[in-house]
N, C-alpha and C. Protein backbone atom coordinates (compact mmCIF):
# COMPACT_ATOMS: atom_id res chain seq x y z
N MET A 1 13.68 6.21 -1.08
CA MET A 1 12.82 5.65 -2.13
C MET A 1 11.36 5.61 -1.68
N ILE A 2 11.12 5.28 -0.40
CA ILE A 2 9.72 5.18 0.04
C ILE A 2 9.02 6.52 -0.08
N ASN A 3 9.73 7.63 0.15
CA ASN A 3 9.09 8.94 0.02
C ASN A 3 8.66 9.20 -1.42
N GLN A 4 9.44 8.74 -2.38
CA GLN A 4 9.07 8.90 -3.79
C GLN A 4 7.84 8.06 -4.12
N ILE A 5 7.78 6.86 -3.56
CA ILE A 5 6.62 6.00 -3.76
C ILE A 5 5.38 6.63 -3.15
N LEU A 6 5.51 7.14 -1.92
CA LEU A 6 4.38 7.79 -1.25
C LEU A 6 3.91 9.01 -2.03
N LEU A 7 4.84 9.78 -2.57
CA LEU A 7 4.47 10.96 -3.35
C LEU A 7 3.69 10.56 -4.59
N LEU A 8 4.18 9.56 -5.31
CA LEU A 8 3.47 9.10 -6.51
C LEU A 8 2.06 8.63 -6.16
N ILE A 9 1.95 7.80 -5.15
CA ILE A 9 0.64 7.24 -4.77
C ILE A 9 -0.31 8.35 -4.35
N SER A 10 0.19 9.31 -3.58
CA SER A 10 -0.68 10.38 -3.08
C SER A 10 -1.17 11.28 -4.21
N GLN A 11 -0.49 11.26 -5.35
CA GLN A 11 -0.91 12.08 -6.49
C GLN A 11 -1.85 11.34 -7.44
N CYS A 12 -2.03 10.04 -7.24
CA CYS A 12 -2.94 9.25 -8.10
C CYS A 12 -4.38 9.51 -7.68
N ARG A 13 -5.20 9.87 -8.64
CA ARG A 13 -6.63 10.04 -8.36
C ARG A 13 -7.31 8.68 -8.50
N LEU A 14 -7.67 8.13 -7.34
CA LEU A 14 -8.23 6.79 -7.31
C LEU A 14 -9.70 6.83 -6.94
N ASN A 15 -10.47 5.93 -7.52
CA ASN A 15 -11.87 5.79 -7.19
C ASN A 15 -11.98 5.44 -5.71
N ALA A 16 -12.74 6.22 -4.96
CA ALA A 16 -12.87 5.99 -3.53
C ALA A 16 -14.11 5.18 -3.18
N VAL A 17 -14.76 4.59 -4.19
CA VAL A 17 -15.98 3.82 -3.95
C VAL A 17 -15.83 2.36 -4.36
N VAL A 18 -15.21 2.11 -5.51
CA VAL A 18 -15.10 0.75 -6.06
C VAL A 18 -13.64 0.31 -5.96
N GLU A 19 -13.36 -0.64 -5.07
CA GLU A 19 -11.98 -1.04 -4.79
C GLU A 19 -11.26 -1.59 -6.01
N LYS A 20 -11.89 -2.44 -6.79
CA LYS A 20 -11.22 -3.00 -7.97
C LYS A 20 -10.85 -1.92 -8.98
N GLN A 21 -11.71 -0.92 -9.12
CA GLN A 21 -11.40 0.18 -10.03
C GLN A 21 -10.23 1.00 -9.48
N ALA A 22 -10.22 1.22 -8.18
CA ALA A 22 -9.10 1.95 -7.55
C ALA A 22 -7.79 1.20 -7.76
N GLN A 23 -7.84 -0.12 -7.65
CA GLN A 23 -6.63 -0.92 -7.87
C GLN A 23 -6.15 -0.79 -9.31
N SER A 24 -7.07 -0.80 -10.25
CA SER A 24 -6.70 -0.64 -11.67
C SER A 24 -6.08 0.74 -11.91
N GLU A 25 -6.64 1.75 -11.27
CA GLU A 25 -6.12 3.11 -11.43
C GLU A 25 -4.73 3.23 -10.79
N LEU A 26 -4.53 2.60 -9.64
CA LEU A 26 -3.21 2.61 -9.02
C LEU A 26 -2.20 1.86 -9.89
N GLU A 27 -2.63 0.73 -10.46
CA GLU A 27 -1.74 -0.01 -11.36
C GLU A 27 -1.33 0.85 -12.55
N ARG A 28 -2.26 1.61 -13.10
CA ARG A 28 -1.95 2.50 -14.22
C ARG A 28 -0.93 3.55 -13.78
N GLY A 29 -1.10 4.11 -12.60
CA GLY A 29 -0.14 5.10 -12.09
C GLY A 29 1.24 4.51 -11.89
N LEU A 30 1.31 3.30 -11.36
CA LEU A 30 2.60 2.64 -11.16
C LEU A 30 3.23 2.25 -12.50
N THR A 31 2.41 1.84 -13.45
CA THR A 31 2.91 1.47 -14.78
C THR A 31 3.56 2.67 -15.46
N ASN A 32 2.99 3.84 -15.26
CA ASN A 32 3.51 5.06 -15.88
C ASN A 32 4.70 5.64 -15.11
N SER A 33 5.10 5.00 -14.03
CA SER A 33 6.24 5.47 -13.25
C SER A 33 7.48 4.65 -13.62
N SER A 34 8.57 4.96 -12.98
CA SER A 34 9.81 4.20 -13.20
C SER A 34 9.97 3.06 -12.20
N PHE A 35 8.99 2.86 -11.34
CA PHE A 35 9.09 1.82 -10.31
C PHE A 35 8.81 0.44 -10.88
N LYS A 36 9.56 -0.54 -10.41
CA LYS A 36 9.28 -1.93 -10.74
C LYS A 36 8.30 -2.43 -9.68
N PHE A 37 7.15 -2.92 -10.13
CA PHE A 37 6.13 -3.35 -9.18
C PHE A 37 5.45 -4.63 -9.66
N GLU A 38 4.74 -5.25 -8.74
CA GLU A 38 3.91 -6.41 -9.07
C GLU A 38 2.57 -6.26 -8.35
N ARG A 39 1.53 -6.76 -8.99
CA ARG A 39 0.19 -6.74 -8.41
C ARG A 39 -0.14 -8.13 -7.88
N GLU A 40 -0.93 -8.17 -6.80
CA GLU A 40 -1.33 -9.43 -6.16
C GLU A 40 -0.10 -10.30 -5.86
N TYR A 41 0.81 -9.74 -5.11
CA TYR A 41 2.08 -10.40 -4.82
C TYR A 41 1.92 -11.35 -3.63
N ARG A 42 2.32 -12.59 -3.84
CA ARG A 42 2.18 -13.62 -2.81
C ARG A 42 3.42 -13.62 -1.91
N LEU A 43 3.22 -13.15 -0.67
CA LEU A 43 4.29 -13.20 0.33
C LEU A 43 4.36 -14.60 0.96
N SER A 44 3.18 -15.24 1.07
CA SER A 44 3.07 -16.59 1.61
C SER A 44 1.71 -17.13 1.16
N ASP A 45 1.39 -18.35 1.56
CA ASP A 45 0.09 -18.91 1.19
C ASP A 45 -1.05 -18.06 1.73
N ARG A 46 -0.84 -17.45 2.88
CA ARG A 46 -1.89 -16.68 3.54
C ARG A 46 -1.86 -15.20 3.16
N ASP A 47 -0.69 -14.70 2.84
CA ASP A 47 -0.51 -13.26 2.68
C ASP A 47 -0.27 -12.88 1.22
N ILE A 48 -1.29 -12.26 0.62
CA ILE A 48 -1.19 -11.76 -0.75
C ILE A 48 -1.49 -10.27 -0.69
N VAL A 49 -0.47 -9.48 -0.94
CA VAL A 49 -0.60 -8.02 -0.86
C VAL A 49 -1.02 -7.48 -2.23
N ASP A 50 -1.80 -6.41 -2.22
CA ASP A 50 -2.33 -5.87 -3.48
C ASP A 50 -1.22 -5.49 -4.45
N PHE A 51 -0.19 -4.79 -3.96
CA PHE A 51 0.94 -4.38 -4.79
C PHE A 51 2.22 -4.44 -3.98
N VAL A 52 3.32 -4.71 -4.64
CA VAL A 52 4.63 -4.47 -4.05
C VAL A 52 5.44 -3.66 -5.04
N VAL A 53 6.25 -2.77 -4.50
CA VAL A 53 7.22 -2.03 -5.30
C VAL A 53 8.58 -2.54 -4.87
N HIS A 54 9.40 -2.92 -5.84
CA HIS A 54 10.73 -3.43 -5.56
C HIS A 54 11.69 -2.24 -5.36
N THR A 55 12.42 -2.27 -4.25
CA THR A 55 13.42 -1.24 -3.98
C THR A 55 14.74 -1.93 -3.65
N ASP A 56 15.80 -1.14 -3.54
CA ASP A 56 17.11 -1.68 -3.19
C ASP A 56 17.12 -2.29 -1.78
N THR A 57 16.22 -1.83 -0.92
CA THR A 57 16.20 -2.31 0.47
C THR A 57 15.15 -3.38 0.71
N GLY A 58 14.37 -3.73 -0.29
CA GLY A 58 13.33 -4.74 -0.13
C GLY A 58 12.04 -4.29 -0.77
N LEU A 59 10.97 -4.97 -0.40
CA LEU A 59 9.65 -4.70 -0.98
C LEU A 59 8.89 -3.66 -0.17
N VAL A 60 8.21 -2.77 -0.86
CA VAL A 60 7.25 -1.88 -0.22
C VAL A 60 5.88 -2.49 -0.50
N ALA A 61 5.24 -3.00 0.55
CA ALA A 61 3.93 -3.64 0.42
C ALA A 61 2.85 -2.56 0.46
N ILE A 62 1.98 -2.56 -0.55
CA ILE A 62 0.92 -1.56 -0.66
C ILE A 62 -0.42 -2.28 -0.64
N GLU A 63 -1.22 -1.96 0.35
CA GLU A 63 -2.56 -2.54 0.49
C GLU A 63 -3.58 -1.44 0.27
N LEU A 64 -4.60 -1.71 -0.55
CA LEU A 64 -5.65 -0.75 -0.84
C LEU A 64 -6.96 -1.27 -0.29
N LYS A 65 -7.58 -0.50 0.58
CA LYS A 65 -8.87 -0.86 1.18
C LYS A 65 -9.78 0.36 1.14
N ILE A 66 -10.90 0.24 0.42
CA ILE A 66 -11.86 1.34 0.39
C ILE A 66 -12.44 1.54 1.78
N LYS A 67 -12.97 0.47 2.33
CA LYS A 67 -13.51 0.49 3.69
C LYS A 67 -12.87 -0.68 4.43
N ALA A 68 -12.52 -0.43 5.66
CA ALA A 68 -11.86 -1.51 6.41
C ALA A 68 -12.14 -1.37 7.89
N GLN A 69 -12.22 -2.50 8.54
CA GLN A 69 -12.25 -2.48 9.99
C GLN A 69 -10.82 -2.22 10.44
N ARG A 70 -10.64 -1.19 11.22
CA ARG A 70 -9.30 -0.72 11.55
C ARG A 70 -8.40 -1.81 12.11
N MET A 71 -8.87 -2.56 13.08
CA MET A 71 -8.02 -3.59 13.69
C MET A 71 -7.73 -4.72 12.73
N SER A 72 -8.68 -5.04 11.89
CA SER A 72 -8.48 -6.11 10.91
C SER A 72 -7.38 -5.74 9.92
N ILE A 73 -7.43 -4.52 9.40
CA ILE A 73 -6.41 -4.12 8.44
C ILE A 73 -5.07 -3.94 9.12
N TYR A 74 -5.06 -3.48 10.37
CA TYR A 74 -3.79 -3.35 11.09
C TYR A 74 -3.14 -4.72 11.28
N ARG A 75 -3.92 -5.70 11.66
CA ARG A 75 -3.38 -7.06 11.81
C ARG A 75 -2.84 -7.59 10.48
N GLN A 76 -3.53 -7.30 9.40
CA GLN A 76 -3.07 -7.71 8.07
C GLN A 76 -1.73 -7.06 7.74
N LEU A 77 -1.60 -5.78 8.00
CA LEU A 77 -0.34 -5.08 7.74
C LEU A 77 0.79 -5.62 8.62
N CYS A 78 0.47 -5.98 9.87
CA CYS A 78 1.47 -6.60 10.76
C CYS A 78 1.97 -7.91 10.17
N ARG A 79 1.07 -8.71 9.64
CA ARG A 79 1.48 -9.97 9.01
C ARG A 79 2.42 -9.70 7.85
N TYR A 80 2.07 -8.73 7.01
CA TYR A 80 2.93 -8.40 5.87
C TYR A 80 4.31 -7.95 6.34
N ALA A 81 4.34 -7.09 7.36
CA ALA A 81 5.61 -6.54 7.84
C ALA A 81 6.51 -7.60 8.46
N LYS A 82 5.96 -8.70 8.90
CA LYS A 82 6.77 -9.77 9.50
C LYS A 82 7.61 -10.50 8.46
N HIS A 83 7.27 -10.37 7.19
CA HIS A 83 8.04 -11.04 6.14
C HIS A 83 9.38 -10.34 5.97
N ASN A 84 10.45 -11.12 5.92
CA ASN A 84 11.80 -10.57 5.84
C ASN A 84 12.03 -9.70 4.61
N ASP A 85 11.39 -10.03 3.49
CA ASP A 85 11.63 -9.27 2.27
C ASP A 85 10.83 -7.97 2.19
N VAL A 86 9.93 -7.74 3.14
CA VAL A 86 9.16 -6.50 3.18
C VAL A 86 9.94 -5.45 3.97
N ALA A 87 10.20 -4.31 3.32
CA ALA A 87 10.96 -3.23 3.95
C ALA A 87 10.05 -2.15 4.54
N ALA A 88 8.81 -2.03 4.02
CA ALA A 88 7.88 -1.01 4.49
C ALA A 88 6.47 -1.42 4.07
N VAL A 89 5.47 -0.88 4.79
CA VAL A 89 4.07 -1.14 4.44
C VAL A 89 3.35 0.19 4.27
N VAL A 90 2.46 0.22 3.26
CA VAL A 90 1.67 1.41 2.95
C VAL A 90 0.22 0.98 2.82
N LEU A 91 -0.67 1.74 3.45
CA LEU A 91 -2.10 1.51 3.33
C LEU A 91 -2.73 2.70 2.62
N LEU A 92 -3.50 2.41 1.57
CA LEU A 92 -4.33 3.41 0.91
C LEU A 92 -5.76 3.08 1.30
N THR A 93 -6.47 4.04 1.86
CA THR A 93 -7.80 3.72 2.34
C THR A 93 -8.73 4.93 2.33
N GLY A 94 -10.01 4.64 2.28
CA GLY A 94 -11.03 5.65 2.45
C GLY A 94 -11.49 5.71 3.88
N THR A 95 -11.02 4.79 4.70
CA THR A 95 -11.35 4.76 6.13
C THR A 95 -10.41 5.70 6.87
N ALA A 96 -10.97 6.56 7.70
CA ALA A 96 -10.14 7.47 8.49
C ALA A 96 -9.41 6.67 9.56
N MET A 97 -8.10 6.60 9.42
CA MET A 97 -7.31 5.87 10.42
C MET A 97 -5.86 6.31 10.34
N ASN A 98 -5.15 6.05 11.41
CA ASN A 98 -3.73 6.31 11.48
C ASN A 98 -3.00 5.01 11.70
N LEU A 99 -1.71 5.01 11.41
CA LEU A 99 -0.84 3.88 11.69
C LEU A 99 0.33 4.39 12.51
N PRO A 100 0.93 3.52 13.30
CA PRO A 100 2.17 3.94 13.95
C PRO A 100 3.25 4.13 12.88
N ALA A 101 4.29 4.87 13.22
CA ALA A 101 5.37 5.13 12.26
C ALA A 101 6.08 3.85 11.87
N LEU A 102 6.11 2.88 12.77
CA LEU A 102 6.76 1.60 12.50
C LEU A 102 5.80 0.47 12.83
N ILE A 103 5.78 -0.53 11.98
CA ILE A 103 5.08 -1.79 12.24
C ILE A 103 6.12 -2.89 12.11
N GLU A 104 6.32 -3.67 13.16
CA GLU A 104 7.36 -4.70 13.17
C GLU A 104 8.73 -4.09 12.81
N ASN A 105 8.98 -2.88 13.34
CA ASN A 105 10.24 -2.15 13.11
C ASN A 105 10.47 -1.77 11.65
N LYS A 106 9.40 -1.68 10.88
CA LYS A 106 9.50 -1.27 9.48
C LYS A 106 8.61 -0.05 9.27
N PRO A 107 9.06 0.90 8.43
CA PRO A 107 8.25 2.10 8.19
C PRO A 107 6.84 1.75 7.70
N ALA A 108 5.88 2.51 8.22
CA ALA A 108 4.48 2.32 7.84
C ALA A 108 3.88 3.69 7.53
N ALA A 109 3.00 3.72 6.54
CA ALA A 109 2.34 4.97 6.17
C ALA A 109 0.92 4.69 5.72
N VAL A 110 0.06 5.65 5.94
CA VAL A 110 -1.32 5.57 5.46
C VAL A 110 -1.58 6.78 4.58
N ILE A 111 -2.24 6.55 3.45
CA ILE A 111 -2.61 7.62 2.51
C ILE A 111 -4.11 7.55 2.30
N SER A 112 -4.75 8.70 2.43
CA SER A 112 -6.18 8.80 2.19
C SER A 112 -6.46 8.75 0.69
N LEU A 113 -7.45 7.97 0.31
CA LEU A 113 -7.82 7.90 -1.11
C LEU A 113 -8.27 9.24 -1.66
N GLY A 114 -8.76 10.12 -0.81
CA GLY A 114 -9.25 11.42 -1.27
C GLY A 114 -8.16 12.47 -1.40
N GLU A 115 -6.94 12.17 -0.95
CA GLU A 115 -5.87 13.16 -0.92
C GLU A 115 -5.58 13.79 -2.28
N ALA A 116 -5.52 13.00 -3.32
CA ALA A 116 -5.19 13.53 -4.65
C ALA A 116 -6.32 14.37 -5.23
N TRP A 117 -7.51 14.25 -4.69
CA TRP A 117 -8.63 15.00 -5.22
C TRP A 117 -8.71 16.41 -4.62
N LEU A 118 -7.89 16.69 -3.61
CA LEU A 118 -7.93 18.01 -2.95
C LEU A 118 -7.18 19.05 -3.75
């Protein structure tokens, strides 16, 4: 299921300059898909992820950052991955960065915001 989510997200043409607009465009792409998702999902008082997609194995947490300090966003994704109901984490970003294949023993992926424009 995560590969299908990654494929859908990578095909969405998102604004790479204005984060709120990119979030609206991603929401439109998810709305037009068959995935059940929620925006601004509260994992805890401290952790609110931009989107989650509900899967049979748990939540796929999707964070969208136009620009990000690499270590700051990595720490944020680690916090998300520590939640028991999170099965995988995905970062969409305009910042050039990589993630390890697993964060807290859960699949992790990064997608460039410019990928769909190629």
